Amino acid sequence: MHKSVYRRFASGPVLLYDRMGEYRPDNMKAHVDFRHYFDQSTAQPPNYVADDLELKWQKANHVGRL
């Protein structure tokens, strides 16, 4: 899962087409890393998130090269 998805779940309300609300797509209910956002009785947030590939590319001077 991209790191931006973790940030979006953790942030406050976002624009959902025509209203403001929490970012909670139904298809993510079963994902182990996001289950606690839908069911408060489940475990706490994960300790690990996706690696920052963009930063690694930038440090290796590979931005824009594929």
PDB file of N, CA and C in Angstrom:
ATOM      1  N   MET A   1       0.850  -1.170   0.000  1.00  0.00           N
ATOM      2  CA  MET A   1       0.000   0.000   0.000  1.00  0.00           C
ATOM      3  C   MET A   1       0.901   1.240   0.000  1.00  0.00           C
ATOM      4  N   HIS A   2       0.565   2.216  -0.790  1.00  0.00           N
ATOM      5  CA  HIS A   2       1.360   3.435  -0.861  1.00  0.00           C
ATOM      6  C   HIS A   2       1.226   4.221   0.441  1.00  0.00           C
ATOM      7  N   LYS A   3       2.309   4.870   0.825  1.00  0.00           N
ATOM      8  CA  LYS A   3       2.336   5.608   2.104  1.00  0.00           C
ATOM      9  C   LYS A   3       1.291   6.717   2.167  1.00  0.00           C
ATOM     10  N   SER A   4       0.905   7.256   1.036  1.00  0.00           N
ATOM     11  CA  SER A   4      -0.088   8.331   1.031  1.00  0.00           C
ATOM     12  C   SER A   4      -1.461   7.842   1.487  1.00  0.00           C
ATOM     13  N   VAL A   5      -1.755   6.553   1.278  1.00  0.00           N
ATOM     14  CA  VAL A   5      -3.034   5.997   1.725  1.00  0.00           C
ATOM     15  C   VAL A   5      -3.078   5.965   3.248  1.00  0.00           C
ATOM     16  N   TYR A   6      -1.971   5.603   3.882  1.00  0.00           N
ATOM     17  CA  TYR A   6      -1.902   5.609   5.352  1.00  0.00           C
ATOM     18  C   TYR A   6      -2.120   7.021   5.886  1.00  0.00           C
ATOM     19  N   ARG A   7      -1.487   7.998   5.245  1.00  0.00           N
ATOM     20  CA  ARG A   7      -1.643   9.387   5.681  1.00  0.00           C
ATOM     21  C   ARG A   7      -3.078   9.867   5.498  1.00  0.00           C
ATOM     22  N   ARG A   8      -3.690   9.475   4.406  1.00  0.00           N
ATOM     23  CA  ARG A   8      -5.060   9.933   4.142  1.00  0.00           C
ATOM     24  C   ARG A   8      -6.035   9.353   5.163  1.00  0.00           C
ATOM     25  N   PHE A   9      -5.864   8.094   5.547  1.00  0.00           N
ATOM     26  CA  PHE A   9      -6.718   7.502   6.568  1.00  0.00           C
ATOM     27  C   PHE A   9      -6.543   8.223   7.901  1.00  0.00           C
ATOM     28  N   ALA A  10      -5.314   8.598   8.232  1.00  0.00           N
ATOM     29  CA  ALA A  10      -5.017   9.205   9.530  1.00  0.00           C
ATOM     30  C   ALA A  10      -5.379  10.690   9.587  1.00  0.00           C
ATOM     31  N   SER A  11      -5.511  11.330   8.435  1.00  0.00           N
ATOM     32  CA  SER A  11      -5.805  12.766   8.441  1.00  0.00           C
ATOM     33  C   SER A  11      -7.267  13.021   8.788  1.00  0.00           C
ATOM     34  N   GLY A  12      -7.603  14.260   8.890  1.00  0.00           N
ATOM     35  CA  GLY A  12      -8.967  14.655   9.213  1.00  0.00           C
ATOM     36  C   GLY A  12      -9.893  14.487   8.026  1.00  0.00           C
ATOM     37  N   PRO A  13     -11.046  15.129   8.082  1.00  0.00           N
ATOM     38  CA  PRO A  13     -12.031  15.018   7.006  1.00  0.00           C
ATOM     39  C   PRO A  13     -11.473  15.476   5.654  1.00  0.00           C
ATOM     40  N   VAL A  14     -11.925  14.798   4.598  1.00  0.00           N
ATOM     41  CA  VAL A  14     -11.530  15.119   3.231  1.00  0.00           C
ATOM     42  C   VAL A  14     -12.789  15.348   2.403  1.00  0.00           C
ATOM     43  N   LEU A  15     -12.637  15.950   1.241  1.00  0.00           N
ATOM     44  CA  LEU A  15     -13.769  16.169   0.353  1.00  0.00           C
ATOM     45  C   LEU A  15     -14.138  14.844  -0.308  1.00  0.00           C
ATOM     46  N   LEU A  16     -15.372  14.405  -0.113  1.00  0.00           N
ATOM     47  CA  LEU A  16     -15.886  13.175  -0.697  1.00  0.00           C
ATOM     48  C   LEU A  16     -16.967  13.541  -1.706  1.00  0.00           C
ATOM     49  N   TYR A  17     -16.549  13.924  -2.869  1.00  0.00           N
ATOM     50  CA  TYR A  17     -17.393  14.361  -3.971  1.00  0.00           C
ATOM     51  C   TYR A  17     -18.175  15.620  -3.611  1.00  0.00           C
ATOM     52  N   ASP A  18     -19.256  15.487  -2.831  1.00  0.00           N
ATOM     53  CA  ASP A  18     -20.094  16.652  -2.539  1.00  0.00           C
ATOM     54  C   ASP A  18     -20.242  16.943  -1.045  1.00  0.00           C
ATOM     55  N   ARG A  19     -19.417  16.304  -0.227  1.00  0.00           N
ATOM     56  CA  ARG A  19     -19.497  16.515   1.225  1.00  0.00           C
ATOM     57  C   ARG A  19     -18.127  16.246   1.850  1.00  0.00           C
ATOM     58  N   MET A  20     -17.987  16.680   3.074  1.00  0.00           N
ATOM     59  CA  MET A  20     -16.756  16.412   3.823  1.00  0.00           C
ATOM     60  C   MET A  20     -16.987  15.198   4.721  1.00  0.00           C
ATOM     61  N   GLY A  21     -15.987  14.354   4.850  1.00  0.00           N
ATOM     62  CA  GLY A  21     -16.094  13.185   5.709  1.00  0.00           C
ATOM     63  C   GLY A  21     -14.756  12.468   5.824  1.00  0.00           C
ATOM     64  N   GLU A  22     -14.699  11.482   6.693  1.00  0.00           N
ATOM     65  CA  GLU A  22     -13.488  10.690   6.873  1.00  0.00           C
ATOM     66  C   GLU A  22     -13.245   9.843   5.624  1.00  0.00           C
ATOM     67  N   TYR A  23     -11.992   9.634   5.284  1.00  0.00           N
ATOM     68  CA  TYR A  23     -11.618   8.791   4.154  1.00  0.00           C
ATOM     69  C   TYR A  23     -11.721   7.337   4.589  1.00  0.00           C
ATOM     70  N   ARG A  24     -12.795   6.656   4.185  1.00  0.00           N
ATOM     71  CA  ARG A  24     -13.035   5.278   4.588  1.00  0.00           C
ATOM     72  C   ARG A  24     -13.649   4.488   3.428  1.00  0.00           C
ATOM     73  N   PRO A  25     -12.886   4.176   2.376  1.00  0.00           N
ATOM     74  CA  PRO A  25     -13.435   3.416   1.261  1.00  0.00           C
ATOM     75  C   PRO A  25     -13.869   2.017   1.710  1.00  0.00           C
ATOM     76  N   ASP A  26     -15.042   1.587   1.286  1.00  0.00           N
ATOM     77  CA  ASP A  26     -15.577   0.289   1.698  1.00  0.00           C
ATOM     78  C   ASP A  26     -14.656  -0.876   1.356  1.00  0.00           C
ATOM     79  N   ASN A  27     -13.965  -0.790   0.233  1.00  0.00           N
ATOM     80  CA  ASN A  27     -13.108  -1.906  -0.164  1.00  0.00           C
ATOM     81  C   ASN A  27     -11.879  -2.068   0.728  1.00  0.00           C
ATOM     82  N   MET A  28     -11.644  -1.143   1.649  1.00  0.00           N
ATOM     83  CA  MET A  28     -10.498  -1.248   2.557  1.00  0.00           C
ATOM     84  C   MET A  28     -10.864  -1.842   3.918  1.00  0.00           C
ATOM     85  N   LYS A  29     -12.134  -2.138   4.137  1.00  0.00           N
ATOM     86  CA  LYS A  29     -12.568  -2.685   5.426  1.00  0.00           C
ATOM     87  C   LYS A  29     -11.843  -3.969   5.790  1.00  0.00           C
ATOM     88  N   ALA A  30     -11.536  -4.800   4.823  1.00  0.00           N
ATOM     89  CA  ALA A  30     -10.915  -6.094   5.088  1.00  0.00           C
ATOM     90  C   ALA A  30      -9.393  -6.026   5.161  1.00  0.00           C
ATOM     91  N   HIS A  31      -8.803  -4.917   4.770  1.00  0.00           N
ATOM     92  CA  HIS A  31      -7.338  -4.797   4.780  1.00  0.00           C
ATOM     93  C   HIS A  31      -6.846  -4.725   6.222  1.00  0.00           C
ATOM     94  N   VAL A  32      -5.902  -5.555   6.567  1.00  0.00           N
ATOM     95  CA  VAL A  32      -5.437  -5.663   7.948  1.00  0.00           C
ATOM     96  C   VAL A  32      -4.891  -4.343   8.502  1.00  0.00           C
ATOM     97  N   ASP A  33      -4.267  -3.542   7.682  1.00  0.00           N
ATOM     98  CA  ASP A  33      -3.686  -2.289   8.154  1.00  0.00           C
ATOM     99  C   ASP A  33      -4.722  -1.200   8.436  1.00  0.00           C
ATOM    100  N   PHE A  34      -5.927  -1.331   7.891  1.00  0.00           N
ATOM    101  CA  PHE A  34      -6.924  -0.278   8.040  1.00  0.00           C
ATOM    102  C   PHE A  34      -8.168  -0.729   8.800  1.00  0.00           C
ATOM    103  N   ARG A  35      -8.197  -1.973   9.204  1.00  0.00           N
ATOM    104  CA  ARG A  35      -9.371  -2.527   9.875  1.00  0.00           C
ATOM    105  C   ARG A  35      -9.750  -1.737  11.120  1.00  0.00           C
ATOM    106  N   HIS A  36      -8.779  -1.239  11.861  1.00  0.00           N
ATOM    107  CA  HIS A  36      -9.065  -0.514  13.108  1.00  0.00           C
ATOM    108  C   HIS A  36      -9.807   0.807  12.868  1.00  0.00           C
ATOM    109  N   TYR A  37      -9.755   1.346  11.649  1.00  0.00           N
ATOM    110  CA  TYR A  37     -10.513   2.565  11.354  1.00  0.00           C
ATOM    111  C   TYR A  37     -12.006   2.283  11.234  1.00  0.00           C
ATOM    112  N   PHE A  38     -12.352   1.061  10.873  1.00  0.00           N
ATOM    113  CA  PHE A  38     -13.750   0.673  10.687  1.00  0.00           C
ATOM    114  C   PHE A  38     -14.332  -0.007  11.928  1.00  0.00           C
ATOM    115  N   ASP A  39     -13.490  -0.738  12.662  1.00  0.00           N
ATOM    116  CA  ASP A  39     -13.937  -1.499  13.832  1.00  0.00           C
ATOM    117  C   ASP A  39     -13.028  -1.146  15.003  1.00  0.00           C
ATOM    118  N   GLN A  40     -13.531  -0.363  15.931  1.00  0.00           N
ATOM    119  CA  GLN A  40     -12.720   0.124  17.051  1.00  0.00           C
ATOM    120  C   GLN A  40     -12.279  -0.979  18.008  1.00  0.00           C
ATOM    121  N   SER A  41     -12.875  -2.172  17.907  1.00  0.00           N
ATOM    122  CA  SER A  41     -12.504  -3.263  18.810  1.00  0.00           C
ATOM    123  C   SER A  41     -11.276  -4.033  18.313  1.00  0.00           C
ATOM    124  N   THR A  42     -10.794  -3.725  17.107  1.00  0.00           N
ATOM    125  CA  THR A  42      -9.624  -4.425  16.567  1.00  0.00           C
ATOM    126  C   THR A  42      -8.344  -3.772  17.076  1.00  0.00           C
ATOM    127  N   ALA A  43      -7.244  -4.386  16.715  1.00  0.00           N
ATOM    128  CA  ALA A  43      -5.921  -3.937  17.185  1.00  0.00           C
ATOM    129  C   ALA A  43      -5.613  -2.509  16.737  1.00  0.00           C
ATOM    130  N   GLN A  44      -4.601  -1.964  17.346  1.00  0.00           N
ATOM    131  CA  GLN A  44      -4.139  -0.611  17.042  1.00  0.00           C
ATOM    132  C   GLN A  44      -3.512  -0.545  15.659  1.00  0.00           C
ATOM    133  N   PRO A  45      -3.201   0.659  15.189  1.00  0.00           N
ATOM    134  CA  PRO A  45      -2.604   0.826  13.856  1.00  0.00           C
ATOM    135  C   PRO A  45      -1.322   0.003  13.701  1.00  0.00           C
ATOM    136  N   PRO A  46      -0.969  -0.348  12.468  1.00  0.00           N
ATOM    137  CA  PRO A  46       0.249  -1.127  12.224  1.00  0.00           C
ATOM    138  C   PRO A  46       1.491  -0.319  12.562  1.00  0.00           C
ATOM    139  N   ASN A  47       2.573  -1.013  12.853  1.00  0.00           N
ATOM    140  CA  ASN A  47       3.848  -0.357  13.155  1.00  0.00           C
ATOM    141  C   ASN A  47       4.644  -0.074  11.889  1.00  0.00           C
ATOM    142  N   TYR A  48       4.263  -0.674  10.786  1.00  0.00           N
ATOM    143  CA  TYR A  48       5.017  -0.558   9.546  1.00  0.00           C
ATOM    144  C   TYR A  48       4.121  -0.042   8.433  1.00  0.00           C
ATOM    145  N   VAL A  49       4.693   0.782   7.574  1.00  0.00           N
ATOM    146  CA  VAL A  49       3.981   1.255   6.386  1.00  0.00           C
ATOM    147  C   VAL A  49       4.890   1.036   5.183  1.00  0.00           C
ATOM    148  N   ALA A  50       4.395   1.347   4.022  1.00  0.00           N
ATOM    149  CA  ALA A  50       5.144   1.131   2.788  1.00  0.00           C
ATOM    150  C   ALA A  50       6.457   1.907   2.793  1.00  0.00           C
ATOM    151  N   ASP A  51       7.436   1.356   2.132  1.00  0.00           N
ATOM    152  CA  ASP A  51       8.733   1.998   2.005  1.00  0.00           C
ATOM    153  C   ASP A  51       8.595   3.272   1.175  1.00  0.00           C
ATOM    154  N   ASP A  52       9.411   4.255   1.433  1.00  0.00           N
ATOM    155  CA  ASP A  52       9.368   5.532   0.719  1.00  0.00           C
ATOM    156  C   ASP A  52      10.218   5.431  -0.549  1.00  0.00           C
ATOM    157  N   LEU A  53       9.646   4.828  -1.583  1.00  0.00           N
ATOM    158  CA  LEU A  53      10.383   4.624  -2.829  1.00  0.00           C
ATOM    159  C   LEU A  53      10.743   5.932  -3.514  1.00  0.00           C
ATOM    160  N   GLU A  54       9.842   6.906  -3.445  1.00  0.00           N
ATOM    161  CA  GLU A  54      10.144   8.189  -4.083  1.00  0.00           C
ATOM    162  C   GLU A  54      11.392   8.823  -3.488  1.00  0.00           C
ATOM    163  N   LEU A  55      11.543   8.751  -2.168  1.00  0.00           N
ATOM    164  CA  LEU A  55      12.732   9.313  -1.519  1.00  0.00           C
ATOM    165  C   LEU A  55      13.985   8.537  -1.922  1.00  0.00           C
ATOM    166  N   LYS A  56      13.888   7.220  -2.019  1.00  0.00           N
ATOM    167  CA  LYS A  56      15.034   6.412  -2.449  1.00  0.00           C
ATOM    168  C   LYS A  56      15.444   6.779  -3.877  1.00  0.00           C
ATOM    169  N   TRP A  57      14.466   6.972  -4.773  1.00  0.00           N
ATOM    170  CA  TRP A  57      14.774   7.365  -6.145  1.00  0.00           C
ATOM    171  C   TRP A  57      15.453   8.724  -6.170  1.00  0.00           C
ATOM    172  N   GLN A  58      14.957   9.637  -5.349  1.00  0.00           N
ATOM    173  CA  GLN A  58      15.525  10.984  -5.303  1.00  0.00           C
ATOM    174  C   GLN A  58      16.971  10.931  -4.802  1.00  0.00           C
ATOM    175  N   LYS A  59      17.234  10.187  -3.743  1.00  0.00           N
ATOM    176  CA  LYS A  59      18.597  10.081  -3.205  1.00  0.00           C
ATOM    177  C   LYS A  59      19.552   9.412  -4.196  1.00  0.00           C
ATOM    178  N   ALA A  60      19.031   8.500  -5.019  1.00  0.00           N
ATOM    179  CA  ALA A  60      19.859   7.808  -6.003  1.00  0.00           C
ATOM    180  C   ALA A  60      19.935   8.566  -7.320  1.00  0.00           C
ATOM    181  N   ASN A  61      19.317   9.739  -7.366  1.00  0.00           N
ATOM    182  CA  ASN A  61      19.298  10.580  -8.567  1.00  0.00           C
ATOM    183  C   ASN A  61      18.668   9.858  -9.761  1.00  0.00           C
ATOM    184  N   HIS A  62      17.583   9.132  -9.497  1.00  0.00           N
ATOM    185  CA  HIS A  62      16.864   8.412 -10.556  1.00  0.00           C
ATOM    186  C   HIS A  62      15.499   9.018 -10.856  1.00  0.00           C
ATOM    187  N   VAL A  63      15.205  10.189 -10.324  1.00  0.00           N
ATOM    188  CA  VAL A  63      13.900  10.814 -10.565  1.00  0.00           C
ATOM    189  C   VAL A  63      13.757  11.111 -12.043  1.00  0.00           C
ATOM    190  N   GLY A  64      12.642  10.668 -12.622  1.00  0.00           N
ATOM    191  CA  GLY A  64      12.371  10.911 -14.036  1.00  0.00           C
ATOM    192  C   GLY A  64      12.992   9.892 -14.958  1.00  0.00           C
ATOM    193  N   ARG A  65      13.731   8.928 -14.427  1.00  0.00           N
ATOM    194  CA  ARG A  65      14.353   7.900 -15.252  1.00  0.00           C
ATOM    195  C   ARG A  65      13.723   6.554 -14.949  1.00  0.00           C
ATOM    196  N   LEU A  66      13.147   5.940 -15.922  1.00  0.00           N
ATOM    197  CA  LEU A  66      12.601   4.586 -15.758  1.00  0.00           C
ATOM    198  C   LEU A  66      13.140   3.660 -16.799  1.00  0.00           C
TER     199      LEU A  66
END
